[in-house]
C-alpha atoms as a PDB file:
ATOM      1  CA  MET A   1      -4.115   9.055 -11.591  1.00  0.00           C
ATOM      2  CA  ALA A   2      -1.569  11.847 -11.154  1.00  0.00           C
ATOM      3  CA  ASP A   3       1.828  12.045 -12.830  1.00  0.00           C
ATOM      4  CA  SER A   4       3.634  11.977  -9.480  1.00  0.00           C
ATOM      5  CA  TYR A   5       2.806   8.308  -8.821  1.00  0.00           C
ATOM      6  CA  LYS A   6       1.862   5.075 -10.568  1.00  0.00           C
ATOM      7  CA  ILE A   7       0.019   2.056  -9.214  1.00  0.00           C
ATOM      8  CA  GLY A   8       0.616  -1.206 -11.046  1.00  0.00           C
ATOM      9  CA  GLN A   9      -1.204  -4.440 -10.310  1.00  0.00           C
ATOM     10  CA  GLU A  10      -0.260  -8.073 -10.933  1.00  0.00           C
ATOM     11  CA  ARG A  11      -0.458 -11.439  -9.215  1.00  0.00           C
ATOM     12  CA  THR A  12       2.399 -12.512  -6.960  1.00  0.00           C
ATOM     13  CA  ALA A  13       4.760 -15.112  -8.428  1.00  0.00           C
ATOM     14  CA  ASP A  14       3.020 -17.913  -6.550  1.00  0.00           C
ATOM     15  CA  GLY A  15      -0.443 -16.579  -7.445  1.00  0.00           C
ATOM     16  CA  SER A  16      -1.516 -16.313  -3.822  1.00  0.00           C
ATOM     17  CA  ALA A  17      -2.116 -12.542  -3.696  1.00  0.00           C
ATOM     18  CA  THR A  18      -2.522  -9.371  -5.695  1.00  0.00           C
ATOM     19  CA  LEU A  19       0.688  -7.343  -5.782  1.00  0.00           C
ATOM     20  CA  LEU A  20       0.320  -3.584  -5.993  1.00  0.00           C
ATOM     21  CA  CYS A  21       3.602  -2.086  -7.215  1.00  0.00           C
ATOM     22  CA  ILE A  22       3.637   1.597  -6.409  1.00  0.00           C
ATOM     23  CA  ARG A  23       6.201   4.154  -7.484  1.00  0.00           C
ATOM     24  CA  GLY A  24       6.631   7.870  -7.121  1.00  0.00           C
ATOM     25  CA  GLU A  25       5.416  10.232  -4.438  1.00  0.00           C
ATOM     26  CA  LEU A  26       2.304   9.432  -2.415  1.00  0.00           C
ATOM     27  CA  ASP A  27       0.593  12.537  -1.101  1.00  0.00           C
ATOM     28  CA  ILE A  28      -2.967  13.789  -0.772  1.00  0.00           C
ATOM     29  CA  THR A  29      -3.466  13.493  -4.545  1.00  0.00           C
ATOM     30  CA  ALA A  30      -2.757   9.747  -4.333  1.00  0.00           C
ATOM     31  CA  ARG A  31      -5.043   8.985  -1.388  1.00  0.00           C
ATOM     32  CA  ASP A  32      -8.246   8.084  -3.232  1.00  0.00           C
ATOM     33  CA  ASP A  33      -6.525   6.197  -6.065  1.00  0.00           C
ATOM     34  CA  LEU A  34      -4.426   4.223  -3.581  1.00  0.00           C
ATOM     35  CA  ARG A  35      -7.402   3.356  -1.383  1.00  0.00           C
ATOM     36  CA  ASP A  36      -9.504   2.377  -4.415  1.00  0.00           C
ATOM     37  CA  ALA A  37      -6.711   0.171  -5.808  1.00  0.00           C
ATOM     38  CA  ILE A  38      -6.298  -1.590  -2.467  1.00  0.00           C
ATOM     39  CA  LEU A  39     -10.034  -2.170  -2.032  1.00  0.00           C
ATOM     40  CA  ALA A  40     -10.366  -3.477  -5.603  1.00  0.00           C
ATOM     41  CA  ALA A  41      -7.456  -5.856  -5.039  1.00  0.00           C
ATOM     42  CA  LEU A  42      -8.949  -7.081  -1.759  1.00  0.00           C
ATOM     43  CA  ALA A  43     -12.020  -8.204  -3.696  1.00  0.00           C
ATOM     44  CA  HIS A  44      -9.755 -10.960  -5.082  1.00  0.00           C
ATOM     45  CA  GLY A  45      -8.126 -11.972  -1.782  1.00  0.00           C
ATOM     46  CA  ASP A  46      -4.809 -11.168  -0.141  1.00  0.00           C
ATOM     47  CA  VAL A  47      -2.866  -8.018  -1.031  1.00  0.00           C
ATOM     48  CA  VAL A  48       0.843  -7.217  -0.971  1.00  0.00           C
ATOM     49  CA  ILE A  49       1.871  -3.581  -1.445  1.00  0.00           C
ATOM     50  CA  ASP A  50       5.400  -2.985  -2.724  1.00  0.00           C
ATOM     51  CA  LEU A  51       6.666   0.470  -1.733  1.00  0.00           C
ATOM     52  CA  GLY A  52      10.216  -0.108  -2.973  1.00  0.00           C
ATOM     53  CA  ALA A  53       9.938   2.608  -5.629  1.00  0.00           C
ATOM     54  CA  VAL A  54       8.103   5.146  -3.444  1.00  0.00           C
ATOM     55  CA  ALA A  55      10.221   8.174  -2.507  1.00  0.00           C
ATOM     56  CA  PHE A  56       7.703  10.007  -0.310  1.00  0.00           C
ATOM     57  CA  ILE A  57       4.535   9.258   1.634  1.00  0.00           C
ATOM     58  CA  ASP A  58       2.399  11.721   3.582  1.00  0.00           C
ATOM     59  CA  SER A  59      -0.275  11.215   6.224  1.00  0.00           C
ATOM     60  CA  GLU A  60      -3.099  11.139   3.664  1.00  0.00           C
ATOM     61  CA  ALA A  61      -1.528   8.272   1.706  1.00  0.00           C
ATOM     62  CA  LEU A  62      -0.671   6.549   4.982  1.00  0.00           C
ATOM     63  CA  GLY A  63      -4.361   6.861   5.841  1.00  0.00           C
ATOM     64  CA  ALA A  64      -5.242   5.049   2.603  1.00  0.00           C
ATOM     65  CA  LEU A  65      -2.905   2.199   3.581  1.00  0.00           C
ATOM     66  CA  ILE A  66      -4.545   2.035   7.022  1.00  0.00           C
ATOM     67  CA  ASP A  67      -7.998   2.000   5.393  1.00  0.00           C
ATOM     68  CA  GLY A  68      -6.822  -0.940   3.278  1.00  0.00           C
ATOM     69  CA  TYR A  69      -5.424  -2.744   6.306  1.00  0.00           C
ATOM     70  CA  ASN A  70      -8.709  -2.299   8.177  1.00  0.00           C
ATOM     71  CA  ALA A  71     -10.722  -3.511   5.166  1.00  0.00           C
ATOM     72  CA  ALA A  72      -8.502  -6.600   4.918  1.00  0.00           C
ATOM     73  CA  ARG A  73      -9.072  -7.422   8.586  1.00  0.00           C
ATOM     74  CA  GLU A  74     -12.854  -7.161   8.117  1.00  0.00           C
ATOM     75  CA  ARG A  75     -12.940  -9.643   5.189  1.00  0.00           C
ATOM     76  CA  PRO A  76     -10.578 -11.392   6.422  1.00  0.00           C
ATOM     77  CA  ALA A  77      -7.746 -11.204   3.916  1.00  0.00           C
ATOM     78  CA  GLY A  78      -3.987 -10.888   4.151  1.00  0.00           C
ATOM     79  CA  PHE A  79      -2.430  -7.432   3.895  1.00  0.00           C
ATOM     80  CA  ARG A  80       1.303  -6.739   3.816  1.00  0.00           C
ATOM     81  CA  VAL A  81       3.478  -3.794   2.902  1.00  0.00           C
ATOM     82  CA  VAL A  82       6.973  -4.655   1.655  1.00  0.00           C
ATOM     83  CA  ASN A  83      10.199  -2.940   0.592  1.00  0.00           C
ATOM     84  CA  ALA A  84       9.652   0.385   2.344  1.00  0.00           C
ATOM     85  CA  ARG A  85      12.948   2.289   2.267  1.00  0.00           C
ATOM     86  CA  GLY A  86      14.432   5.591   3.358  1.00  0.00           C
ATOM     87  CA  LEU A  87      11.956   8.310   4.241  1.00  0.00           C
ATOM     88  CA  VAL A  88       8.989   6.014   3.564  1.00  0.00           C
ATOM     89  CA  ALA A  89      10.281   3.406   6.031  1.00  0.00           C
ATOM     90  CA  ARG A  90      10.881   6.170   8.573  1.00  0.00           C
ATOM     91  CA  VAL A  91       7.324   7.505   8.251  1.00  0.00           C
ATOM     92  CA  LEU A  92       5.941   3.979   8.653  1.00  0.00           C
ATOM     93  CA  LYS A  93       8.163   3.338  11.663  1.00  0.00           C
ATOM     94  CA  VAL A  94       7.438   6.632  13.453  1.00  0.00           C
ATOM     95  CA  SER A  95       3.688   6.229  12.872  1.00  0.00           C
ATOM     96  CA  GLY A  96       3.679   2.629  14.139  1.00  0.00           C
ATOM     97  CA  ALA A  97       2.440   1.395  10.769  1.00  0.00           C
ATOM     98  CA  LEU A  98       5.656  -0.514  10.016  1.00  0.00           C
ATOM     99  CA  GLU A  99       4.810  -3.063  12.679  1.00  0.00           C
ATOM    100  CA  LEU A 100       1.091  -2.979  11.854  1.00  0.00           C
ATOM    101  CA  PHE A 101       1.670  -3.762   8.178  1.00  0.00           C
ATOM    102  CA  GLY A 102       4.367  -6.345   8.745  1.00  0.00           C
ATOM    103  CA  ALA A 103       6.744  -4.260   6.635  1.00  0.00           C
END
């Protein structure tokens, strides 16, 4: 995992899903780690991804989120992205992912 981002994992307060708390900048260097973390979490059920502490996201990291969303639909499992702000929210909105992810 690179120094520019961190991916933390815990259960949601009600225990119904795995919460991935991500912080930092998500670019091409984060793509594989992000996708792997999402897929590992999906093995345990629903996933919530908190982007509240993410300052930047590029198309590669967005692709990892889309890969996770598609994997969740195949299982089926829940997949939500929450707390996207600023530039991250704008990228999700412009790409159409904001609506897709229920962010």
